[in-house]
Amino acid sequence: MTPKIKQLAKRQLKDYRNKKPGTLFSDPTLNLTIEQAYALQDSVTKLRVTEGEKITGYKVGCVGPGTTKQFGMKGPIRGTLFLNEVHKSGSKLNKSAFCNLAIEGEMAFKINNKCEVDIIFPVIELHNFIFRAHQKTLTELISNNGINAGIVLPSIDQKLTEPQFHDGSILSILINNIKIGSSALWPNQGDPKTTLDWVKGHLLKYGLFLQPEQIILAGTTLGLYPVQSGDDIKVLVDDQIKVQCTII
C-alpha cells in the first residue's frame, strides 16, 4: 500500500463518519485505477476493523439493468458490509444519519461453514447516494464501498432455503404502499451460486476470504431509489412482504 492510499483512507473514513462521503473525488486531478480503488476501500476497512468494527459480508453492485443504466457504467464491483450497520426489519432509520439516503431492494444469501449458499432472502440496502466527480466512475463507486451505508434484514421466519424460491419469483419494492418497481430475483439471469463463485474469485485476487455465516448481497435487478423522512419501504417476493423499514 502506498503512503498516498493510507492518507486517502484516513480522509475517506473521516468523511464517511461525518456524513460527507467521498469528498476527495471533488478534486478533478484525482485519478485512481481499479486496483487502487480496491486498495483504498480495503484500507478503510482495515481502519474500521482496527477501531472495533466487524465485517459481516460483502455486496456485489452495478450488475443489474436498473443500476447500470442509472449510473452509466457496468460492474460487477465489490463492497464490504459491517455488522454495526445491519438493521432489523421494521427499524426506524433517521435520514440525518445518511448522506442523500437511497435504497435498493435485492436478494442476498448467507453462507454455511463449507462456504456454500445456506439460506437466501431479500434485503433493503441503504446507500449514501452521492458521486462527487463530474462523471460517475467505477473507481469512485469502489472507493466509496459501493456507496453502501448498511442493510435491513428480514426476520428469521422470512429467510428461506433455496428451493422455496423459483425462477418465476418476482421481487417488488413499495414506497408508501406504491409499487415503484418489480423484476426477477437475480440480476442478469444469475443465481446465488454464480454470485458466490464471483465473490470467492474476486476476494482471492485481493488476498481476502469468505468466513462462515457471512452475508452476500447479489445486486439488484431494479434501480436505486432516493427516500425521504416519512417514507415507508417494503420489499416483497411474490407479493408477500419480506422486509421493511421506515425513514424518520
C-alpha atoms as a PDB file:
ATOM      1  CA  MET A   1       0.000   0.000   0.000  1.00  0.00           C
ATOM      2  CA  THR A   2       1.388   3.395  -0.951  1.00  0.00           C
ATOM      3  CA  PRO A   3       1.556   6.281   1.534  1.00  0.00           C
ATOM      4  CA  LYS A   4      -0.948   8.082  -0.694  1.00  0.00           C
ATOM      5  CA  ILE A   5      -3.540   5.324  -0.237  1.00  0.00           C
ATOM      6  CA  LYS A   6      -3.037   5.338   3.534  1.00  0.00           C
ATOM      7  CA  GLN A   7      -3.540   9.090   3.631  1.00  0.00           C
ATOM      8  CA  LEU A   8      -6.620   8.931   1.420  1.00  0.00           C
ATOM      9  CA  ALA A   9      -8.084   6.132   3.554  1.00  0.00           C
ATOM     10  CA  LYS A  10      -7.904   8.235   6.700  1.00  0.00           C
ATOM     11  CA  ARG A  11      -9.676  11.064   4.913  1.00  0.00           C
ATOM     12  CA  GLN A  12     -12.266   8.694   3.454  1.00  0.00           C
ATOM     13  CA  LEU A  13     -13.140   7.292   6.861  1.00  0.00           C
ATOM     14  CA  LYS A  14     -13.330  10.727   8.451  1.00  0.00           C
ATOM     15  CA  ASP A  15     -15.631  11.948   5.679  1.00  0.00           C
ATOM     16  CA  TYR A  16     -17.800   8.839   5.967  1.00  0.00           C
ATOM     17  CA  ARG A  17     -18.191   9.289   9.702  1.00  0.00           C
ATOM     18  CA  ASN A  18     -19.054  12.967   9.175  1.00  0.00           C
ATOM     19  CA  LYS A  19     -21.812  12.015   6.692  1.00  0.00           C
ATOM     20  CA  LYS A  20     -19.871  13.659   3.851  1.00  0.00           C
ATOM     21  CA  PRO A  21     -18.562  10.600   1.998  1.00  0.00           C
ATOM     22  CA  GLY A  22     -16.081  10.742  -0.836  1.00  0.00           C
ATOM     23  CA  THR A  23     -15.166  14.427  -0.824  1.00  0.00           C
ATOM     24  CA  LEU A  24     -11.747  13.620  -2.238  1.00  0.00           C
ATOM     25  CA  PHE A  25     -13.417  12.893  -5.588  1.00  0.00           C
ATOM     26  CA  SER A  26     -14.329  16.571  -5.885  1.00  0.00           C
ATOM     27  CA  ASP A  27     -10.690  17.015  -6.915  1.00  0.00           C
ATOM     28  CA  PRO A  28     -10.593  16.703 -10.733  1.00  0.00           C
ATOM     29  CA  THR A  29      -6.911  15.761 -10.616  1.00  0.00           C
ATOM     30  CA  LEU A  30      -7.552  12.604  -8.589  1.00  0.00           C
ATOM     31  CA  ASN A  31      -7.055   9.627 -10.878  1.00  0.00           C
ATOM     32  CA  LEU A  32      -7.211   6.131  -9.402  1.00  0.00           C
ATOM     33  CA  THR A  33      -7.065   2.775 -11.145  1.00  0.00           C
ATOM     34  CA  ILE A  34      -9.484  -0.018 -10.270  1.00  0.00           C
ATOM     35  CA  GLU A  35      -6.715  -1.725  -8.290  1.00  0.00           C
ATOM     36  CA  GLN A  36      -6.005   1.473  -6.363  1.00  0.00           C
ATOM     37  CA  ALA A  37      -9.723   1.947  -5.689  1.00  0.00           C
ATOM     38  CA  TYR A  38      -9.956  -1.501  -4.101  1.00  0.00           C
ATOM     39  CA  ALA A  39      -6.750  -0.834  -2.160  1.00  0.00           C
ATOM     40  CA  LEU A  40      -8.403   2.320  -0.836  1.00  0.00           C
ATOM     41  CA  GLN A  41     -11.628   0.520   0.087  1.00  0.00           C
ATOM     42  CA  ASP A  42      -9.695  -2.243   1.828  1.00  0.00           C
ATOM     43  CA  SER A  43      -7.504   0.264   3.655  1.00  0.00           C
ATOM     44  CA  VAL A  44     -10.606   1.971   5.041  1.00  0.00           C
ATOM     45  CA  THR A  45     -11.956  -1.447   6.030  1.00  0.00           C
ATOM     46  CA  LYS A  46      -8.751  -2.207   7.944  1.00  0.00           C
ATOM     47  CA  LEU A  47      -9.060   1.098   9.791  1.00  0.00           C
ATOM     48  CA  ARG A  48     -12.649   0.313  10.733  1.00  0.00           C
ATOM     49  CA  VAL A  49     -11.765  -3.192  11.916  1.00  0.00           C
ATOM     50  CA  THR A  50      -8.845  -1.815  13.934  1.00  0.00           C
ATOM     51  CA  GLU A  51     -11.310   0.519  15.639  1.00  0.00           C
ATOM     52  CA  GLY A  52     -13.531  -2.417  16.604  1.00  0.00           C
ATOM     53  CA  GLU A  53     -15.983  -2.854  13.728  1.00  0.00           C
ATOM     54  CA  LYS A  54     -16.658  -6.327  12.329  1.00  0.00           C
ATOM     55  CA  ILE A  55     -17.069  -7.436   8.728  1.00  0.00           C
ATOM     56  CA  THR A  56     -20.362  -9.262   8.235  1.00  0.00           C
ATOM     57  CA  GLY A  57     -20.128  -9.904   4.488  1.00  0.00           C
ATOM     58  CA  TYR A  58     -19.854  -8.359   1.054  1.00  0.00           C
ATOM     59  CA  LYS A  59     -22.011  -6.804  -1.639  1.00  0.00           C
ATOM     60  CA  VAL A  60     -21.949  -7.129  -5.388  1.00  0.00           C
ATOM     61  CA  GLY A  61     -23.027  -3.976  -7.163  1.00  0.00           C
ATOM     62  CA  CYS A  62     -23.647  -2.333 -10.506  1.00  0.00           C
ATOM     63  CA  VAL A  63     -24.764  -5.541 -12.207  1.00  0.00           C
ATOM     64  CA  GLY A  64     -28.490  -5.246 -12.907  1.00  0.00           C
ATOM     65  CA  PRO A  65     -30.046  -3.289 -15.784  1.00  0.00           C
ATOM     66  CA  GLY A  66     -31.534  -0.666 -13.467  1.00  0.00           C
ATOM     67  CA  THR A  67     -28.337   0.477 -11.776  1.00  0.00           C
ATOM     68  CA  THR A  68     -26.109   0.094 -14.831  1.00  0.00           C
ATOM     69  CA  LYS A  69     -28.419   2.434 -16.740  1.00  0.00           C
ATOM     70  CA  GLN A  70     -28.768   4.783 -13.769  1.00  0.00           C
ATOM     71  CA  PHE A  71     -25.007   5.010 -13.188  1.00  0.00           C
ATOM     72  CA  GLY A  72     -23.980   4.822 -16.844  1.00  0.00           C
ATOM     73  CA  MET A  73     -21.440   2.079 -16.122  1.00  0.00           C
ATOM     74  CA  LYS A  74     -21.296  -1.651 -15.592  1.00  0.00           C
ATOM     75  CA  GLY A  75     -19.664  -3.752 -12.878  1.00  0.00           C
ATOM     76  CA  PRO A  76     -19.591  -6.054 -11.103  1.00  0.00           C
ATOM     77  CA  ILE A  77     -17.972  -4.312  -8.173  1.00  0.00           C
ATOM     78  CA  ARG A  78     -17.489  -5.402  -4.569  1.00  0.00           C
ATOM     79  CA  GLY A  79     -18.225  -3.592  -1.330  1.00  0.00           C
ATOM     80  CA  THR A  80     -17.787  -4.589   2.314  1.00  0.00           C
ATOM     81  CA  LEU A  81     -20.615  -4.932   4.853  1.00  0.00           C
ATOM     82  CA  PHE A  82     -20.214  -4.112   8.547  1.00  0.00           C
ATOM     83  CA  LEU A  83     -22.109  -5.665  11.437  1.00  0.00           C
ATOM     84  CA  ASN A  84     -22.849  -2.352  13.151  1.00  0.00           C
ATOM     85  CA  GLU A  85     -24.714  -1.205  10.017  1.00  0.00           C
ATOM     86  CA  VAL A  86     -27.128  -4.149   9.985  1.00  0.00           C
ATOM     87  CA  HIS A  87     -30.704  -3.255  10.953  1.00  0.00           C
ATOM     88  CA  LYS A  88     -33.720  -5.433  11.721  1.00  0.00           C
ATOM     89  CA  SER A  89     -36.875  -5.422   9.638  1.00  0.00           C
ATOM     90  CA  GLY A  90     -39.268  -2.818  10.995  1.00  0.00           C
ATOM     91  CA  SER A  91     -36.477  -0.461  12.044  1.00  0.00           C
ATOM     92  CA  LYS A  92     -36.970   3.291  12.035  1.00  0.00           C
ATOM     93  CA  LEU A  93     -33.948   4.883  10.371  1.00  0.00           C
ATOM     94  CA  ASN A  94     -33.046   8.532  10.794  1.00  0.00           C
ATOM     95  CA  LYS A  95     -32.405  10.206   7.446  1.00  0.00           C
ATOM     96  CA  SER A  96     -29.867  12.522   9.080  1.00  0.00           C
ATOM     97  CA  ALA A  97     -27.616   9.502   9.708  1.00  0.00           C
ATOM     98  CA  PHE A  98     -27.008   9.254   5.963  1.00  0.00           C
ATOM     99  CA  CYS A  99     -25.996  11.419   3.017  1.00  0.00           C
ATOM    100  CA  ASN A 100     -28.677  11.555   0.308  1.00  0.00           C
ATOM    101  CA  LEU A 101     -30.226   8.311   1.517  1.00  0.00           C
ATOM    102  CA  ALA A 102     -31.419   5.947  -1.197  1.00  0.00           C
ATOM    103  CA  ILE A 103     -32.475   2.309  -1.093  1.00  0.00           C
ATOM    104  CA  GLU A 104     -32.337  -0.828  -3.175  1.00  0.00           C
ATOM    105  CA  GLY A 105     -34.397  -3.966  -2.810  1.00  0.00           C
ATOM    106  CA  GLU A 106     -32.375  -7.048  -3.671  1.00  0.00           C
ATOM    107  CA  MET A 107     -31.686 -10.670  -2.917  1.00  0.00           C
ATOM    108  CA  ALA A 108     -28.975 -11.822  -0.542  1.00  0.00           C
ATOM    109  CA  PHE A 109     -27.779 -15.059   0.985  1.00  0.00           C
ATOM    110  CA  LYS A 110     -25.828 -16.361   3.955  1.00  0.00           C
ATOM    111  CA  ILE A 111     -23.097 -18.960   3.559  1.00  0.00           C
ATOM    112  CA  ASN A 112     -22.522 -22.018   5.748  1.00  0.00           C
ATOM    113  CA  ASN A 113     -19.295 -23.354   7.240  1.00  0.00           C
ATOM    114  CA  LYS A 114     -18.451 -25.021   3.918  1.00  0.00           C
ATOM    115  CA  CYS A 115     -18.699 -21.666   2.136  1.00  0.00           C
ATOM    116  CA  GLU A 116     -21.835 -22.781   0.311  1.00  0.00           C
ATOM    117  CA  VAL A 117     -25.156 -20.985  -0.095  1.00  0.00           C
ATOM    118  CA  ASP A 118     -27.186 -21.724   3.031  1.00  0.00           C
ATOM    119  CA  ILE A 119     -30.282 -19.505   3.165  1.00  0.00           C
ATOM    120  CA  ILE A 120     -31.461 -16.806   0.786  1.00  0.00           C
ATOM    121  CA  PHE A 121     -33.606 -13.779   1.491  1.00  0.00           C
ATOM    122  CA  PRO A 122     -34.419 -10.253   0.277  1.00  0.00           C
ATOM    123  CA  VAL A 123     -32.910  -7.194   1.937  1.00  0.00           C
ATOM    124  CA  ILE A 124     -33.156  -3.439   1.810  1.00  0.00           C
ATOM    125  CA  GLU A 125     -29.750  -1.978   1.035  1.00  0.00           C
ATOM    126  CA  LEU A 126     -29.060   1.555   2.278  1.00  0.00           C
ATOM    127  CA  HIS A 127     -26.885   3.952   0.309  1.00  0.00           C
ATOM    128  CA  ASN A 128     -25.234   7.332   0.542  1.00  0.00           C
ATOM    129  CA  PHE A 129     -26.294   8.241  -2.978  1.00  0.00           C
ATOM    130  CA  ILE A 130     -23.710  10.780  -3.993  1.00  0.00           C
ATOM    131  CA  PHE A 131     -20.980  10.989  -6.617  1.00  0.00           C
ATOM    132  CA  ARG A 132     -18.582  13.915  -6.339  1.00  0.00           C
ATOM    133  CA  ALA A 133     -16.705  13.692  -9.633  1.00  0.00           C
ATOM    134  CA  HIS A 134     -18.032  15.404 -12.749  1.00  0.00           C
ATOM    135  CA  GLN A 135     -18.573  11.982 -14.309  1.00  0.00           C
ATOM    136  CA  LYS A 136     -19.521   8.815 -12.433  1.00  0.00           C
ATOM    137  CA  THR A 137     -16.790   6.158 -12.483  1.00  0.00           C
ATOM    138  CA  LEU A 138     -16.294   2.657 -11.166  1.00  0.00           C
ATOM    139  CA  THR A 139     -13.238   3.852  -9.246  1.00  0.00           C
ATOM    140  CA  GLU A 140     -15.308   6.351  -7.261  1.00  0.00           C
ATOM    141  CA  LEU A 141     -18.004   3.736  -6.674  1.00  0.00           C
ATOM    142  CA  ILE A 142     -15.459   1.161  -5.468  1.00  0.00           C
ATOM    143  CA  SER A 143     -13.504   3.631  -3.342  1.00  0.00           C
ATOM    144  CA  ASN A 144     -16.739   4.602  -1.607  1.00  0.00           C
ATOM    145  CA  ASN A 145     -17.507   0.956  -0.790  1.00  0.00           C
ATOM    146  CA  GLY A 146     -20.205   0.688  -3.438  1.00  0.00           C
ATOM    147  CA  ILE A 147     -21.868   3.673  -1.678  1.00  0.00           C
ATOM    148  CA  ASN A 148     -23.191   1.154   0.857  1.00  0.00           C
ATOM    149  CA  ALA A 149     -24.376   2.566   4.175  1.00  0.00           C
ATOM    150  CA  GLY A 150     -25.968  -0.515   5.700  1.00  0.00           C
ATOM    151  CA  ILE A 151     -28.666  -3.134   5.195  1.00  0.00           C
ATOM    152  CA  VAL A 152     -32.049  -4.056   6.644  1.00  0.00           C
ATOM    153  CA  LEU A 153     -32.505  -7.803   7.180  1.00  0.00           C
ATOM    154  CA  PRO A 154     -35.767  -9.752   7.332  1.00  0.00           C
ATOM    155  CA  SER A 155     -36.853 -11.596  10.446  1.00  0.00           C
ATOM    156  CA  ILE A 156     -35.771 -15.222  10.788  1.00  0.00           C
ATOM    157  CA  ASP A 157     -39.079 -16.619   9.549  1.00  0.00           C
ATOM    158  CA  GLN A 158     -38.675 -14.730   6.264  1.00  0.00           C
ATOM    159  CA  LYS A 159     -35.299 -16.314   5.500  1.00  0.00           C
ATOM    160  CA  LEU A 160     -35.910 -19.254   3.231  1.00  0.00           C
ATOM    161  CA  THR A 161     -33.981 -22.232   1.987  1.00  0.00           C
ATOM    162  CA  GLU A 162     -33.077 -22.018  -1.681  1.00  0.00           C
ATOM    163  CA  PRO A 163     -35.746 -24.406  -3.093  1.00  0.00           C
ATOM    164  CA  GLN A 164     -38.516 -22.172  -1.729  1.00  0.00           C
ATOM    165  CA  PHE A 165     -37.678 -19.545  -4.332  1.00  0.00           C
ATOM    166  CA  HIS A 166     -38.127 -20.373  -8.008  1.00  0.00           C
ATOM    167  CA  ASP A 167     -37.186 -18.922 -11.381  1.00  0.00           C
ATOM    168  CA  GLY A 168     -40.544 -17.229 -11.759  1.00  0.00           C
ATOM    169  CA  SER A 169     -40.496 -15.432  -8.394  1.00  0.00           C
ATOM    170  CA  ILE A 170     -40.840 -11.646  -8.538  1.00  0.00           C
ATOM    171  CA  LEU A 171     -39.121  -9.072  -6.327  1.00  0.00           C
ATOM    172  CA  SER A 172     -41.044  -5.833  -5.755  1.00  0.00           C
ATOM    173  CA  ILE A 173     -40.441  -2.568  -3.910  1.00  0.00           C
ATOM    174  CA  LEU A 174     -43.180  -0.473  -2.336  1.00  0.00           C
ATOM    175  CA  ILE A 175     -42.607   3.057  -1.079  1.00  0.00           C
ATOM    176  CA  ASN A 176     -45.598   4.394   0.839  1.00  0.00           C
ATOM    177  CA  ASN A 177     -47.581   1.411  -0.475  1.00  0.00           C
ATOM    178  CA  ILE A 178     -46.948   2.432  -4.083  1.00  0.00           C
ATOM    179  CA  LYS A 179     -45.169  -0.167  -6.198  1.00  0.00           C
ATOM    180  CA  ILE A 180     -42.178   1.543  -7.776  1.00  0.00           C
ATOM    181  CA  GLY A 181     -40.578  -1.480  -9.355  1.00  0.00           C
ATOM    182  CA  SER A 182     -40.734  -5.236  -9.785  1.00  0.00           C
ATOM    183  CA  SER A 183     -38.492  -7.691 -11.575  1.00  0.00           C
ATOM    184  CA  ALA A 184     -36.820 -11.091 -11.404  1.00  0.00           C
ATOM    185  CA  LEU A 185     -34.969 -12.015  -8.210  1.00  0.00           C
ATOM    186  CA  TRP A 186     -31.433 -12.255  -9.553  1.00  0.00           C
ATOM    187  CA  PRO A 187     -29.724  -9.770 -11.901  1.00  0.00           C
ATOM    188  CA  ASN A 188     -28.672 -10.765 -15.398  1.00  0.00           C
ATOM    189  CA  GLN A 189     -30.316 -14.200 -15.211  1.00  0.00           C
ATOM    190  CA  GLY A 190     -27.898 -15.121 -12.440  1.00  0.00           C
ATOM    191  CA  ASP A 191     -28.390 -17.173  -9.309  1.00  0.00           C
ATOM    192  CA  PRO A 192     -26.837 -17.364  -5.825  1.00  0.00           C
ATOM    193  CA  LYS A 193     -24.090 -19.793  -6.857  1.00  0.00           C
ATOM    194  CA  THR A 194     -22.988 -17.606  -9.773  1.00  0.00           C
ATOM    195  CA  THR A 195     -22.697 -14.655  -7.418  1.00  0.00           C
ATOM    196  CA  LEU A 196     -20.895 -16.710  -4.777  1.00  0.00           C
ATOM    197  CA  ASP A 197     -18.355 -18.005  -7.294  1.00  0.00           C
ATOM    198  CA  TRP A 198     -17.606 -14.470  -8.480  1.00  0.00           C
ATOM    199  CA  VAL A 199     -17.181 -13.169  -4.935  1.00  0.00           C
ATOM    200  CA  LYS A 200     -14.849 -16.035  -3.990  1.00  0.00           C
ATOM    201  CA  GLY A 201     -12.643 -15.443  -7.017  1.00  0.00           C
ATOM    202  CA  HIS A 202     -12.653 -11.694  -6.609  1.00  0.00           C
ATOM    203  CA  LEU A 203     -11.736 -11.779  -2.919  1.00  0.00           C
ATOM    204  CA  LEU A 204      -8.943 -14.277  -3.559  1.00  0.00           C
ATOM    205  CA  LYS A 205      -7.416 -11.809  -6.007  1.00  0.00           C
ATOM    206  CA  TYR A 206      -7.122  -9.304  -3.149  1.00  0.00           C
ATOM    207  CA  GLY A 207      -5.949 -11.795  -0.533  1.00  0.00           C
ATOM    208  CA  LEU A 208      -9.346 -11.938   1.165  1.00  0.00           C
ATOM    209  CA  PHE A 209     -11.547 -14.898   2.046  1.00  0.00           C
ATOM    210  CA  LEU A 210     -15.150 -15.531   2.979  1.00  0.00           C
ATOM    211  CA  GLN A 211     -15.954 -16.654   6.507  1.00  0.00           C
ATOM    212  CA  PRO A 212     -18.835 -18.906   7.675  1.00  0.00           C
ATOM    213  CA  GLU A 213     -22.142 -17.133   8.290  1.00  0.00           C
ATOM    214  CA  GLN A 214     -21.201 -14.106   6.200  1.00  0.00           C
ATOM    215  CA  ILE A 215     -23.861 -12.414   4.083  1.00  0.00           C
ATOM    216  CA  ILE A 216     -23.536 -11.645   0.385  1.00  0.00           C
ATOM    217  CA  LEU A 217     -25.748  -9.145  -1.409  1.00  0.00           C
ATOM    218  CA  ALA A 218     -26.220 -10.234  -5.013  1.00  0.00           C
ATOM    219  CA  GLY A 219     -27.122  -6.877  -6.565  1.00  0.00           C
ATOM    220  CA  THR A 220     -30.494  -5.553  -7.589  1.00  0.00           C
ATOM    221  CA  THR A 221     -32.485  -6.159 -10.735  1.00  0.00           C
ATOM    222  CA  LEU A 222     -34.145  -2.787 -10.173  1.00  0.00           C
ATOM    223  CA  GLY A 223     -32.818   0.717  -9.522  1.00  0.00           C
ATOM    224  CA  LEU A 224     -31.660   2.899  -6.674  1.00  0.00           C
ATOM    225  CA  TYR A 225     -34.462   4.987  -5.167  1.00  0.00           C
ATOM    226  CA  PRO A 226     -33.982   8.171  -3.095  1.00  0.00           C
ATOM    227  CA  VAL A 227     -36.146   8.271   0.039  1.00  0.00           C
ATOM    228  CA  GLN A 228     -37.255  10.986   2.447  1.00  0.00           C
ATOM    229  CA  SER A 229     -38.324  11.290   6.060  1.00  0.00           C
ATOM    230  CA  GLY A 230     -41.757   9.737   6.473  1.00  0.00           C
ATOM    231  CA  ASP A 231     -41.273   7.145   3.735  1.00  0.00           C
ATOM    232  CA  ASP A 232     -42.337   3.576   4.436  1.00  0.00           C
ATOM    233  CA  ILE A 233     -40.349   0.977   2.479  1.00  0.00           C
ATOM    234  CA  LYS A 234     -41.317  -2.624   1.855  1.00  0.00           C
ATOM    235  CA  VAL A 235     -39.664  -5.339  -0.222  1.00  0.00           C
ATOM    236  CA  LEU A 236     -41.877  -8.192  -1.371  1.00  0.00           C
ATOM    237  CA  VAL A 237     -41.341 -11.550  -3.027  1.00  0.00           C
ATOM    238  CA  ASP A 238     -44.359 -12.816  -4.945  1.00  0.00           C
ATOM    239  CA  ASP A 239     -46.475 -10.084  -3.321  1.00  0.00           C
ATOM    240  CA  GLN A 240     -45.568 -11.204   0.207  1.00  0.00           C
ATOM    241  CA  ILE A 241     -43.877  -8.604   2.438  1.00  0.00           C
ATOM    242  CA  LYS A 242     -40.462  -9.902   3.493  1.00  0.00           C
ATOM    243  CA  VAL A 243     -38.569  -6.899   4.885  1.00  0.00           C
ATOM    244  CA  GLN A 244     -39.490  -3.300   5.680  1.00  0.00           C
ATOM    245  CA  CYS A 245     -38.319  -0.110   7.342  1.00  0.00           C
ATOM    246  CA  THR A 246     -39.437   3.470   7.916  1.00  0.00           C
ATOM    247  CA  ILE A 247     -37.406   6.636   7.381  1.00  0.00           C
ATOM    248  CA  ILE A 248     -37.792   9.287  10.075  1.00  0.00           C
END
